[in-house]
Amino acid sequence: MKDPLSLIFSALADPTRRAILARLAQGEASVSDLAAPFLGAMSLPAITKHLKVLEKAGLVTKSREAQWRPCKLNGKALQEASEWMEPYRIYWEDSFDRLEAYLKTVQQGDVSHE
């Protein structure tokens, strides 16, 4: 069994699953609503498999209201991934800031050439 963070990143690796999450970011939707944009390229069972991967990763929850089974985005799992990535974002921002400062000195001719 994979750890929760590995499941999240594995689920996010697929563009169809990311598109499903983008749709759910707008609000809950039924499986058929989520499948509609993809039905020309894939089957409903394929979409259902994608949803199961998202559910297993904790990114999506599915409930049952009579015949309707709404899917919802679970922001907590995305928050976990975001928190894991935060130190790397800070590192890259700092690196870009240092690069920008260096390039400004080069453009101003302040760098001595040995």
PDB file of N, CA and C in Angstrom:
ATOM      1  N   MET A   1       0.836  -1.186   0.000  1.00  0.00           N
ATOM      2  CA  MET A   1       0.000   0.000   0.000  1.00  0.00           C
ATOM      3  C   MET A   1       0.884   1.255   0.000  1.00  0.00           C
ATOM      4  N   LYS A   2       0.529   2.202  -0.807  1.00  0.00           N
ATOM      5  CA  LYS A   2       1.275   3.450  -0.881  1.00  0.00           C
ATOM      6  C   LYS A   2       0.891   4.370   0.266  1.00  0.00           C
ATOM      7  N   ASP A   3       1.808   5.263   0.600  1.00  0.00           N
ATOM      8  CA  ASP A   3       1.487   6.261   1.611  1.00  0.00           C
ATOM      9  C   ASP A   3       0.514   7.280   1.016  1.00  0.00           C
ATOM     10  N   PRO A   4      -0.223   8.012   1.852  1.00  0.00           N
ATOM     11  CA  PRO A   4      -1.251   8.935   1.353  1.00  0.00           C
ATOM     12  C   PRO A   4      -0.727   9.972   0.360  1.00  0.00           C
ATOM     13  N   LEU A   5       0.453  10.515   0.611  1.00  0.00           N
ATOM     14  CA  LEU A   5       0.991  11.535  -0.290  1.00  0.00           C
ATOM     15  C   LEU A   5       1.312  10.950  -1.665  1.00  0.00           C
ATOM     16  N   SER A   6       1.821   9.726  -1.700  1.00  0.00           N
ATOM     17  CA  SER A   6       2.090   9.067  -2.983  1.00  0.00           C
ATOM     18  C   SER A   6       0.801   8.827  -3.753  1.00  0.00           C
ATOM     19  N   LEU A   7      -0.257   8.454  -3.047  1.00  0.00           N
ATOM     20  CA  LEU A   7      -1.561   8.256  -3.705  1.00  0.00           C
ATOM     21  C   LEU A   7      -2.074   9.566  -4.301  1.00  0.00           C
ATOM     22  N   ILE A   8      -1.897  10.647  -3.565  1.00  0.00           N
ATOM     23  CA  ILE A   8      -2.346  11.955  -4.048  1.00  0.00           C
ATOM     24  C   ILE A   8      -1.592  12.341  -5.315  1.00  0.00           C
ATOM     25  N   PHE A   9      -0.263  12.270  -5.275  1.00  0.00           N
ATOM     26  CA  PHE A   9       0.511  12.680  -6.445  1.00  0.00           C
ATOM     27  C   PHE A   9       0.292  11.743  -7.621  1.00  0.00           C
ATOM     28  N   SER A  10       0.099  10.480  -7.363  1.00  0.00           N
ATOM     29  CA  SER A  10      -0.205   9.536  -8.437  1.00  0.00           C
ATOM     30  C   SER A  10      -1.543   9.884  -9.086  1.00  0.00           C
ATOM     31  N   ALA A  11      -2.521  10.223  -8.275  1.00  0.00           N
ATOM     32  CA  ALA A  11      -3.834  10.609  -8.811  1.00  0.00           C
ATOM     33  C   ALA A  11      -3.732  11.896  -9.615  1.00  0.00           C
ATOM     34  N   LEU A  12      -2.929  12.833  -9.148  1.00  0.00           N
ATOM     35  CA  LEU A  12      -2.786  14.120  -9.842  1.00  0.00           C
ATOM     36  C   LEU A  12      -1.970  14.016 -11.131  1.00  0.00           C
ATOM     37  N   ALA A  13      -1.291  12.910 -11.328  1.00  0.00           N
ATOM     38  CA  ALA A  13      -0.429  12.751 -12.506  1.00  0.00           C
ATOM     39  C   ALA A  13      -1.219  12.613 -13.802  1.00  0.00           C
ATOM     40  N   ASP A  14      -2.490  12.259 -13.718  1.00  0.00           N
ATOM     41  CA  ASP A  14      -3.285  12.019 -14.919  1.00  0.00           C
ATOM     42  C   ASP A  14      -4.097  13.264 -15.298  1.00  0.00           C
ATOM     43  N   PRO A  15      -4.028  13.703 -16.570  1.00  0.00           N
ATOM     44  CA  PRO A  15      -4.747  14.915 -16.976  1.00  0.00           C
ATOM     45  C   PRO A  15      -6.269  14.792 -16.884  1.00  0.00           C
ATOM     46  N   THR A  16      -6.805  13.612 -17.095  1.00  0.00           N
ATOM     47  CA  THR A  16      -8.255  13.430 -16.968  1.00  0.00           C
ATOM     48  C   THR A  16      -8.681  13.637 -15.523  1.00  0.00           C
ATOM     49  N   ARG A  17      -7.914  13.087 -14.591  1.00  0.00           N
ATOM     50  CA  ARG A  17      -8.250  13.263 -13.182  1.00  0.00           C
ATOM     51  C   ARG A  17      -8.094  14.723 -12.753  1.00  0.00           C
ATOM     52  N   ARG A  18      -7.088  15.399 -13.286  1.00  0.00           N
ATOM     53  CA  ARG A  18      -6.939  16.830 -12.962  1.00  0.00           C
ATOM     54  C   ARG A  18      -8.120  17.625 -13.511  1.00  0.00           C
ATOM     55  N   ALA A  19      -8.605  17.254 -14.691  1.00  0.00           N
ATOM     56  CA  ALA A  19      -9.770  17.938 -15.264  1.00  0.00           C
ATOM     57  C   ALA A  19     -11.017  17.684 -14.417  1.00  0.00           C
ATOM     58  N   ILE A  20     -11.159  16.485 -13.916  1.00  0.00           N
ATOM     59  CA  ILE A  20     -12.288  16.166 -13.036  1.00  0.00           C
ATOM     60  C   ILE A  20     -12.206  17.016 -11.768  1.00  0.00           C
ATOM     61  N   LEU A  21     -11.014  17.131 -11.195  1.00  0.00           N
ATOM     62  CA  LEU A  21     -10.842  17.957  -9.997  1.00  0.00           C
ATOM     63  C   LEU A  21     -11.146  19.427 -10.292  1.00  0.00           C
ATOM     64  N   ALA A  22     -10.731  19.895 -11.460  1.00  0.00           N
ATOM     65  CA  ALA A  22     -11.015  21.288 -11.840  1.00  0.00           C
ATOM     66  C   ALA A  22     -12.522  21.520 -11.916  1.00  0.00           C
ATOM     67  N   ARG A  23     -13.237  20.549 -12.465  1.00  0.00           N
ATOM     68  CA  ARG A  23     -14.701  20.670 -12.531  1.00  0.00           C
ATOM     69  C   ARG A  23     -15.296  20.680 -11.136  1.00  0.00           C
ATOM     70  N   LEU A  24     -14.808  19.800 -10.256  1.00  0.00           N
ATOM     71  CA  LEU A  24     -15.337  19.734  -8.901  1.00  0.00           C
ATOM     72  C   LEU A  24     -14.993  20.973  -8.071  1.00  0.00           C
ATOM     73  N   ALA A  25     -13.957  21.686  -8.463  1.00  0.00           N
ATOM     74  CA  ALA A  25     -13.616  22.932  -7.773  1.00  0.00           C
ATOM     75  C   ALA A  25     -14.727  23.968  -7.953  1.00  0.00           C
ATOM     76  N   GLN A  26     -15.559  23.780  -8.980  1.00  0.00           N
ATOM     77  CA  GLN A  26     -16.688  24.683  -9.231  1.00  0.00           C
ATOM     78  C   GLN A  26     -17.923  24.287  -8.412  1.00  0.00           C
ATOM     79  N   GLY A  27     -17.915  23.092  -7.850  1.00  0.00           N
ATOM     80  CA  GLY A  27     -19.044  22.621  -7.058  1.00  0.00           C
ATOM     81  C   GLY A  27     -19.281  21.144  -7.296  1.00  0.00           C
ATOM     82  N   GLU A  28     -20.117  20.539  -6.444  1.00  0.00           N
ATOM     83  CA  GLU A  28     -20.379  19.112  -6.564  1.00  0.00           C
ATOM     84  C   GLU A  28     -21.044  18.787  -7.893  1.00  0.00           C
ATOM     85  N   ALA A  29     -20.865  17.548  -8.324  1.00  0.00           N
ATOM     86  CA  ALA A  29     -21.413  17.106  -9.611  1.00  0.00           C
ATOM     87  C   ALA A  29     -21.654  15.605  -9.558  1.00  0.00           C
ATOM     88  N   SER A  30     -22.572  15.158 -10.381  1.00  0.00           N
ATOM     89  CA  SER A  30     -22.826  13.717 -10.476  1.00  0.00           C
ATOM     90  C   SER A  30     -21.765  13.081 -11.369  1.00  0.00           C
ATOM     91  N   VAL A  31     -21.684  11.765 -11.301  1.00  0.00           N
ATOM     92  CA  VAL A  31     -20.727  11.037 -12.130  1.00  0.00           C
ATOM     93  C   VAL A  31     -21.010  11.301 -13.600  1.00  0.00           C
ATOM     94  N   SER A  32     -22.278  11.304 -13.982  1.00  0.00           N
ATOM     95  CA  SER A  32     -22.607  11.542 -15.401  1.00  0.00           C
ATOM     96  C   SER A  32     -22.238  12.959 -15.827  1.00  0.00           C
ATOM     97  N   ASP A  33     -22.400  13.939 -14.933  1.00  0.00           N
ATOM     98  CA  ASP A  33     -21.968  15.308 -15.253  1.00  0.00           C
ATOM     99  C   ASP A  33     -20.459  15.375 -15.448  1.00  0.00           C
ATOM    100  N   LEU A  34     -19.728  14.669 -14.588  1.00  0.00           N
ATOM    101  CA  LEU A  34     -18.272  14.660 -14.690  1.00  0.00           C
ATOM    102  C   LEU A  34     -17.801  13.930 -15.943  1.00  0.00           C
ATOM    103  N   ALA A  35     -18.552  12.907 -16.346  1.00  0.00           N
ATOM    104  CA  ALA A  35     -18.166  12.102 -17.508  1.00  0.00           C
ATOM    105  C   ALA A  35     -18.472  12.787 -18.829  1.00  0.00           C
ATOM    106  N   ALA A  36     -19.465  13.664 -18.852  1.00  0.00           N
ATOM    107  CA  ALA A  36     -19.953  14.254 -20.107  1.00  0.00           C
ATOM    108  C   ALA A  36     -18.854  14.798 -21.020  1.00  0.00           C
ATOM    109  N   PRO A  37     -17.902  15.588 -20.536  1.00  0.00           N
ATOM    110  CA  PRO A  37     -16.890  16.137 -21.443  1.00  0.00           C
ATOM    111  C   PRO A  37     -15.948  15.083 -22.053  1.00  0.00           C
ATOM    112  N   PHE A  38     -15.905  13.903 -21.462  1.00  0.00           N
ATOM    113  CA  PHE A  38     -14.950  12.881 -21.893  1.00  0.00           C
ATOM    114  C   PHE A  38     -15.574  11.752 -22.704  1.00  0.00           C
ATOM    115  N   LEU A  39     -16.903  11.708 -22.807  1.00  0.00           N
ATOM    116  CA  LEU A  39     -17.564  10.540 -23.381  1.00  0.00           C
ATOM    117  C   LEU A  39     -17.220  10.280 -24.839  1.00  0.00           C
ATOM    118  N   GLY A  40     -16.769  11.274 -25.574  1.00  0.00           N
ATOM    119  CA  GLY A  40     -16.323  11.028 -26.941  1.00  0.00           C
ATOM    120  C   GLY A  40     -15.017  10.266 -26.992  1.00  0.00           C
ATOM    121  N   ALA A  41     -14.195  10.440 -25.943  1.00  0.00           N
ATOM    122  CA  ALA A  41     -12.861   9.847 -25.937  1.00  0.00           C
ATOM    123  C   ALA A  41     -12.740   8.614 -25.046  1.00  0.00           C
ATOM    124  N   MET A  42     -13.646   8.482 -24.066  1.00  0.00           N
ATOM    125  CA  MET A  42     -13.571   7.324 -23.165  1.00  0.00           C
ATOM    126  C   MET A  42     -14.957   6.946 -22.668  1.00  0.00           C
ATOM    127  N   SER A  43     -15.046   5.765 -22.120  1.00  0.00           N
ATOM    128  CA  SER A  43     -16.322   5.226 -21.666  1.00  0.00           C
ATOM    129  C   SER A  43     -16.654   5.686 -20.247  1.00  0.00           C
ATOM    130  N   LEU A  44     -17.902   5.521 -19.870  1.00  0.00           N
ATOM    131  CA  LEU A  44     -18.322   5.828 -18.509  1.00  0.00           C
ATOM    132  C   LEU A  44     -17.580   4.958 -17.489  1.00  0.00           C
ATOM    133  N   PRO A  45     -17.383   3.648 -17.761  1.00  0.00           N
ATOM    134  CA  PRO A  45     -16.592   2.856 -16.808  1.00  0.00           C
ATOM    135  C   PRO A  45     -15.159   3.381 -16.615  1.00  0.00           C
ATOM    136  N   ALA A  46     -14.582   3.928 -17.660  1.00  0.00           N
ATOM    137  CA  ALA A  46     -13.228   4.498 -17.534  1.00  0.00           C
ATOM    138  C   ALA A  46     -13.255   5.718 -16.613  1.00  0.00           C
ATOM    139  N   ILE A  47     -14.264   6.561 -16.753  1.00  0.00           N
ATOM    140  CA  ILE A  47     -14.399   7.725 -15.869  1.00  0.00           C
ATOM    141  C   ILE A  47     -14.605   7.261 -14.434  1.00  0.00           C
ATOM    142  N   THR A  48     -15.410   6.222 -14.263  1.00  0.00           N
ATOM    143  CA  THR A  48     -15.648   5.670 -12.929  1.00  0.00           C
ATOM    144  C   THR A  48     -14.341   5.189 -12.306  1.00  0.00           C
ATOM    145  N   LYS A  49     -13.480   4.585 -13.104  1.00  0.00           N
ATOM    146  CA  LYS A  49     -12.175   4.147 -12.594  1.00  0.00           C
ATOM    147  C   LYS A  49     -11.330   5.346 -12.160  1.00  0.00           C
ATOM    148  N   HIS A  50     -11.362   6.402 -12.952  1.00  0.00           N
ATOM    149  CA  HIS A  50     -10.630   7.621 -12.570  1.00  0.00           C
ATOM    150  C   HIS A  50     -11.165   8.165 -11.247  1.00  0.00           C
ATOM    151  N   LEU A  51     -12.480   8.162 -11.085  1.00  0.00           N
ATOM    152  CA  LEU A  51     -13.073   8.649  -9.842  1.00  0.00           C
ATOM    153  C   LEU A  51     -12.668   7.781  -8.650  1.00  0.00           C
ATOM    154  N   LYS A  52     -12.550   6.487  -8.867  1.00  0.00           N
ATOM    155  CA  LYS A  52     -12.128   5.599  -7.783  1.00  0.00           C
ATOM    156  C   LYS A  52     -10.698   5.906  -7.358  1.00  0.00           C
ATOM    157  N   VAL A  53      -9.842   6.218  -8.320  1.00  0.00           N
ATOM    158  CA  VAL A  53      -8.456   6.592  -7.986  1.00  0.00           C
ATOM    159  C   VAL A  53      -8.461   7.881  -7.161  1.00  0.00           C
ATOM    160  N   LEU A  54      -9.278   8.838  -7.574  1.00  0.00           N
ATOM    161  CA  LEU A  54      -9.373  10.102  -6.840  1.00  0.00           C
ATOM    162  C   LEU A  54      -9.945   9.896  -5.437  1.00  0.00           C
ATOM    163  N   GLU A  55     -10.914   9.014  -5.329  1.00  0.00           N
ATOM    164  CA  GLU A  55     -11.484   8.689  -4.013  1.00  0.00           C
ATOM    165  C   GLU A  55     -10.453   8.011  -3.112  1.00  0.00           C
ATOM    166  N   LYS A  56      -9.744   7.039  -3.667  1.00  0.00           N
ATOM    167  CA  LYS A  56      -8.733   6.310  -2.889  1.00  0.00           C
ATOM    168  C   LYS A  56      -7.650   7.260  -2.377  1.00  0.00           C
ATOM    169  N   ALA A  57      -7.325   8.269  -3.176  1.00  0.00           N
ATOM    170  CA  ALA A  57      -6.322   9.251  -2.777  1.00  0.00           C
ATOM    171  C   ALA A  57      -6.887  10.275  -1.800  1.00  0.00           C
ATOM    172  N   GLY A  58      -8.197  10.235  -1.586  1.00  0.00           N
ATOM    173  CA  GLY A  58      -8.828  11.174  -0.660  1.00  0.00           C
ATOM    174  C   GLY A  58      -9.119  12.527  -1.270  1.00  0.00           C
ATOM    175  N   LEU A  59      -8.994  12.651  -2.583  1.00  0.00           N
ATOM    176  CA  LEU A  59      -9.214  13.930  -3.254  1.00  0.00           C
ATOM    177  C   LEU A  59     -10.685  14.195  -3.540  1.00  0.00           C
ATOM    178  N   VAL A  60     -11.482  13.135  -3.594  1.00  0.00           N
ATOM    179  CA  VAL A  60     -12.901  13.246  -3.933  1.00  0.00           C
ATOM    180  C   VAL A  60     -13.694  12.397  -2.949  1.00  0.00           C
ATOM    181  N   THR A  61     -14.852  12.902  -2.575  1.00  0.00           N
ATOM    182  CA  THR A  61     -15.791  12.112  -1.787  1.00  0.00           C
ATOM    183  C   THR A  61     -17.075  11.965  -2.584  1.00  0.00           C
ATOM    184  N   LYS A  62     -17.703  10.816  -2.416  1.00  0.00           N
ATOM    185  CA  LYS A  62     -18.961  10.552  -3.106  1.00  0.00           C
ATOM    186  C   LYS A  62     -20.005  10.220  -2.047  1.00  0.00           C
ATOM    187  N   SER A  63     -21.160  10.859  -2.156  1.00  0.00           N
ATOM    188  CA  SER A  63     -22.238  10.566  -1.217  1.00  0.00           C
ATOM    189  C   SER A  63     -23.436  10.027  -2.000  1.00  0.00           C
ATOM    190  N   ARG A  64     -24.479   9.721  -1.280  1.00  0.00           N
ATOM    191  CA  ARG A  64     -25.652   9.182  -1.949  1.00  0.00           C
ATOM    192  C   ARG A  64     -26.885   9.925  -1.451  1.00  0.00           C
ATOM    193  N   GLU A  65     -27.601  10.504  -2.382  1.00  0.00           N
ATOM    194  CA  GLU A  65     -28.856  11.198  -2.079  1.00  0.00           C
ATOM    195  C   GLU A  65     -29.908  10.621  -3.018  1.00  0.00           C
ATOM    196  N   ALA A  66     -30.647   9.647  -2.521  1.00  0.00           N
ATOM    197  CA  ALA A  66     -31.638   8.913  -3.330  1.00  0.00           C
ATOM    198  C   ALA A  66     -30.924   8.288  -4.525  1.00  0.00           C
ATOM    199  N   GLN A  67     -31.310   8.646  -5.730  1.00  0.00           N
ATOM    200  CA  GLN A  67     -30.680   8.099  -6.932  1.00  0.00           C
ATOM    201  C   GLN A  67     -29.441   8.892  -7.359  1.00  0.00           C
ATOM    202  N   TRP A  68     -29.259  10.045  -6.765  1.00  0.00           N
ATOM    203  CA  TRP A  68     -28.156  10.926  -7.155  1.00  0.00           C
ATOM    204  C   TRP A  68     -26.948  10.652  -6.279  1.00  0.00           C
ATOM    205  N   ARG A  69     -25.774  10.522  -6.893  1.00  0.00           N
ATOM    206  CA  ARG A  69     -24.527  10.293  -6.158  1.00  0.00           C
ATOM    207  C   ARG A  69     -23.558  11.447  -6.433  1.00  0.00           C
ATOM    208  N   PRO A  70     -23.723  12.527  -5.680  1.00  0.00           N
ATOM    209  CA  PRO A  70     -22.857  13.685  -5.935  1.00  0.00           C
ATOM    210  C   PRO A  70     -21.412  13.444  -5.500  1.00  0.00           C
ATOM    211  N   CYS A  71     -20.503  13.943  -6.288  1.00  0.00           N
ATOM    212  CA  CYS A  71     -19.072  13.903  -5.976  1.00  0.00           C
ATOM    213  C   CYS A  71     -18.655  15.299  -5.541  1.00  0.00           C
ATOM    214  N   LYS A  72     -17.769  15.347  -4.563  1.00  0.00           N
ATOM    215  CA  LYS A  72     -17.287  16.627  -4.041  1.00  0.00           C
ATOM    216  C   LYS A  72     -15.769  16.591  -3.939  1.00  0.00           C
ATOM    217  N   LEU A  73     -15.175  17.736  -4.102  1.00  0.00           N
ATOM    218  CA  LEU A  73     -13.734  17.890  -3.934  1.00  0.00           C
ATOM    219  C   LEU A  73     -13.420  17.887  -2.440  1.00  0.00           C
ATOM    220  N   ASN A  74     -12.374  17.167  -2.061  1.00  0.00           N
ATOM    221  CA  ASN A  74     -11.911  17.159  -0.681  1.00  0.00           C
ATOM    222  C   ASN A  74     -10.629  17.989  -0.606  1.00  0.00           C
ATOM    223  N   GLY A  75     -10.759  19.202  -0.147  1.00  0.00           N
ATOM    224  CA  GLY A  75      -9.626  20.117  -0.107  1.00  0.00           C
ATOM    225  C   GLY A  75      -8.529  19.715   0.859  1.00  0.00           C
ATOM    226  N   LYS A  76      -8.855  18.899   1.856  1.00  0.00           N
ATOM    227  CA  LYS A  76      -7.853  18.507   2.856  1.00  0.00           C
ATOM    228  C   LYS A  76      -6.687  17.759   2.212  1.00  0.00           C
ATOM    229  N   ALA A  77      -6.990  16.855   1.291  1.00  0.00           N
ATOM    230  CA  ALA A  77      -5.919  16.098   0.624  1.00  0.00           C
ATOM    231  C   ALA A  77      -5.051  17.026  -0.226  1.00  0.00           C
ATOM    232  N   LEU A  78      -5.675  17.971  -0.906  1.00  0.00           N
ATOM    233  CA  LEU A  78      -4.894  18.932  -1.695  1.00  0.00           C
ATOM    234  C   LEU A  78      -4.032  19.796  -0.787  1.00  0.00           C
ATOM    235  N   GLN A  79      -4.552  20.118   0.381  1.00  0.00           N
ATOM    236  CA  GLN A  79      -3.782  20.906   1.341  1.00  0.00           C
ATOM    237  C   GLN A  79      -2.546  20.145   1.795  1.00  0.00           C
ATOM    238  N   GLU A  80      -2.693  18.843   2.011  1.00  0.00           N
ATOM    239  CA  GLU A  80      -1.540  18.027   2.413  1.00  0.00           C
ATOM    240  C   GLU A  80      -0.444  18.066   1.345  1.00  0.00           C
ATOM    241  N   ALA A  81      -0.852  17.948   0.079  1.00  0.00           N
ATOM    242  CA  ALA A  81       0.123  18.003  -1.015  1.00  0.00           C
ATOM    243  C   ALA A  81       0.764  19.381  -1.090  1.00  0.00           C
ATOM    244  N   SER A  82      -0.035  20.407  -0.928  1.00  0.00           N
ATOM    245  CA  SER A  82       0.468  21.775  -0.974  1.00  0.00           C
ATOM    246  C   SER A  82       1.457  22.039   0.163  1.00  0.00           C
ATOM    247  N   GLU A  83       1.149  21.549   1.349  1.00  0.00           N
ATOM    248  CA  GLU A  83       2.058  21.732   2.486  1.00  0.00           C
ATOM    249  C   GLU A  83       3.381  21.007   2.260  1.00  0.00           C
ATOM    250  N   TRP A  84       3.328  19.849   1.620  1.00  0.00           N
ATOM    251  CA  TRP A  84       4.555  19.118   1.328  1.00  0.00           C
ATOM    252  C   TRP A  84       5.409  19.892   0.318  1.00  0.00           C
ATOM    253  N   MET A  85       4.768  20.537  -0.637  1.00  0.00           N
ATOM    254  CA  MET A  85       5.496  21.259  -1.689  1.00  0.00           C
ATOM    255  C   MET A  85       5.991  22.632  -1.255  1.00  0.00           C
ATOM    256  N   GLU A  86       5.434  23.192  -0.198  1.00  0.00           N
ATOM    257  CA  GLU A  86       5.743  24.557   0.211  1.00  0.00           C
ATOM    258  C   GLU A  86       7.237  24.843   0.376  1.00  0.00           C
ATOM    259  N   PRO A  87       8.018  24.009   1.052  1.00  0.00           N
ATOM    260  CA  PRO A  87       9.445  24.312   1.171  1.00  0.00           C
ATOM    261  C   PRO A  87      10.153  24.379  -0.189  1.00  0.00           C
ATOM    262  N   TYR A  88       9.694  23.587  -1.141  1.00  0.00           N
ATOM    263  CA  TYR A  88      10.295  23.598  -2.475  1.00  0.00           C
ATOM    264  C   TYR A  88       9.908  24.861  -3.229  1.00  0.00           C
ATOM    265  N   ARG A  89       8.684  25.330  -3.036  1.00  0.00           N
ATOM    266  CA  ARG A  89       8.250  26.590  -3.652  1.00  0.00           C
ATOM    267  C   ARG A  89       9.108  27.733  -3.118  1.00  0.00           C
ATOM    268  N   ILE A  90       9.321  27.749  -1.817  1.00  0.00           N
ATOM    269  CA  ILE A  90      10.141  28.796  -1.204  1.00  0.00           C
ATOM    270  C   ILE A  90      11.568  28.730  -1.753  1.00  0.00           C
ATOM    271  N   TYR A  91      12.112  27.522  -1.847  1.00  0.00           N
ATOM    272  CA  TYR A  91      13.462  27.352  -2.390  1.00  0.00           C
ATOM    273  C   TYR A  91      13.555  27.926  -3.807  1.00  0.00           C
ATOM    274  N   TRP A  92      12.589  27.577  -4.675  1.00  0.00           N
ATOM    275  CA  TRP A  92      12.650  28.053  -6.061  1.00  0.00           C
ATOM    276  C   TRP A  92      12.444  29.559  -6.147  1.00  0.00           C
ATOM    277  N   GLU A  93      11.562  30.107  -5.332  1.00  0.00           N
ATOM    278  CA  GLU A  93      11.381  31.559  -5.339  1.00  0.00           C
ATOM    279  C   GLU A  93      12.658  32.261  -4.922  1.00  0.00           C
ATOM    280  N   ASP A  94      13.327  31.742  -3.885  1.00  0.00           N
ATOM    281  CA  ASP A  94      14.598  32.321  -3.450  1.00  0.00           C
ATOM    282  C   ASP A  94      15.647  32.205  -4.557  1.00  0.00           C
ATOM    283  N   SER A  95      15.673  31.059  -5.229  1.00  0.00           N
ATOM    284  CA  SER A  95      16.640  30.860  -6.318  1.00  0.00           C
ATOM    285  C   SER A  95      16.388  31.852  -7.450  1.00  0.00           C
ATOM    286  N   PHE A  96      15.122  32.055  -7.795  1.00  0.00           N
ATOM    287  CA  PHE A  96      14.792  33.005  -8.865  1.00  0.00           C
ATOM    288  C   PHE A  96      15.120  34.431  -8.444  1.00  0.00           C
ATOM    289  N   ASP A  97      14.905  34.752  -7.167  1.00  0.00           N
ATOM    290  CA  ASP A  97      15.258  36.093  -6.681  1.00  0.00           C
ATOM    291  C   ASP A  97      16.764  36.321  -6.784  1.00  0.00           C
ATOM    292  N   ARG A  98      17.568  35.311  -6.416  1.00  0.00           N
ATOM    293  CA  ARG A  98      19.027  35.438  -6.526  1.00  0.00           C
ATOM    294  C   ARG A  98      19.452  35.566  -7.989  1.00  0.00           C
ATOM    295  N   LEU A  99      18.822  34.796  -8.863  1.00  0.00           N
ATOM    296  CA  LEU A  99      19.131  34.868 -10.287  1.00  0.00           C
ATOM    297  C   LEU A  99      18.777  36.246 -10.838  1.00  0.00           C
ATOM    298  N   GLU A 100      17.630  36.768 -10.444  1.00  0.00           N
ATOM    299  CA  GLU A 100      17.214  38.094 -10.899  1.00  0.00           C
ATOM    300  C   GLU A 100      18.212  39.164 -10.451  1.00  0.00           C
ATOM    301  N   ALA A 101      18.638  39.075  -9.201  1.00  0.00           N
ATOM    302  CA  ALA A 101      19.621  40.040  -8.687  1.00  0.00           C
ATOM    303  C   ALA A 101      20.931  39.935  -9.457  1.00  0.00           C
ATOM    304  N   TYR A 102      21.378  38.719  -9.736  1.00  0.00           N
ATOM    305  CA  TYR A 102      22.602  38.520 -10.497  1.00  0.00           C
ATOM    306  C   TYR A 102      22.471  39.094 -11.904  1.00  0.00           C
ATOM    307  N   LEU A 103      21.357  38.823 -12.555  1.00  0.00           N
ATOM    308  CA  LEU A 103      21.162  39.322 -13.924  1.00  0.00           C
ATOM    309  C   LEU A 103      21.131  40.840 -13.962  1.00  0.00           C
ATOM    310  N   LYS A 104      20.597  41.472 -12.932  1.00  0.00           N
ATOM    311  CA  LYS A 104      20.602  42.938 -12.878  1.00  0.00           C
ATOM    312  C   LYS A 104      22.022  43.471 -12.802  1.00  0.00           C
ATOM    313  N   THR A 105      22.879  42.782 -12.014  1.00  0.00           N
ATOM    314  CA  THR A 105      24.263  43.245 -11.916  1.00  0.00           C
ATOM    315  C   THR A 105      24.987  43.037 -13.245  1.00  0.00           C
ATOM    316  N   VAL A 106      24.687  41.970 -13.948  1.00  0.00           N
ATOM    317  CA  VAL A 106      25.302  41.713 -15.248  1.00  0.00           C
ATOM    318  C   VAL A 106      24.868  42.783 -16.242  1.00  0.00           C
ATOM    319  N   GLN A 107      23.594  43.102 -16.233  1.00  0.00           N
ATOM    320  CA  GLN A 107      23.073  44.116 -17.163  1.00  0.00           C
ATOM    321  C   GLN A 107      23.659  45.500 -16.881  1.00  0.00           C
ATOM    322  N   GLN A 108      23.980  45.767 -15.629  1.00  0.00           N
ATOM    323  CA  GLN A 108      24.542  47.062 -15.259  1.00  0.00           C
ATOM    324  C   GLN A 108      26.067  47.082 -15.424  1.00  0.00           C
ATOM    325  N   GLY A 109      26.651  45.954 -15.762  1.00  0.00           N
ATOM    326  CA  GLY A 109      28.089  45.864 -15.967  1.00  0.00           C
ATOM    327  C   GLY A 109      28.870  45.845 -14.677  1.00  0.00           C
ATOM    328  N   ASP A 110      28.228  45.461 -13.574  1.00  0.00           N
ATOM    329  CA  ASP A 110      28.872  45.445 -12.269  1.00  0.00           C
ATOM    330  C   ASP A 110      29.651  44.193 -11.984  1.00  0.00           C
ATOM    331  N   VAL A 111      29.591  43.205 -12.860  1.00  0.00           N
ATOM    332  CA  VAL A 111      30.275  41.940 -12.613  1.00  0.00           C
ATOM    333  C   VAL A 111      31.660  42.045 -13.217  1.00  0.00           C
ATOM    334  N   SER A 112      32.663  41.756 -12.402  1.00  0.00           N
ATOM    335  CA  SER A 112      34.036  41.784 -12.923  1.00  0.00           C
ATOM    336  C   SER A 112      34.312  40.493 -13.663  1.00  0.00           C
ATOM    337  N   HIS A 113      34.953  40.611 -14.788  1.00  0.00           N
ATOM    338  CA  HIS A 113      35.303  39.440 -15.600  1.00  0.00           C
ATOM    339  C   HIS A 113      36.770  39.131 -15.352  1.00  0.00           C
ATOM    340  N   GLU A 114      37.035  37.933 -14.948  1.00  0.00           N
ATOM    341  CA  GLU A 114      38.417  37.536 -14.638  1.00  0.00           C
ATOM    342  C   GLU A 114      39.088  36.986 -15.844  1.00  0.00           C
TER     343      GLU A 114
END
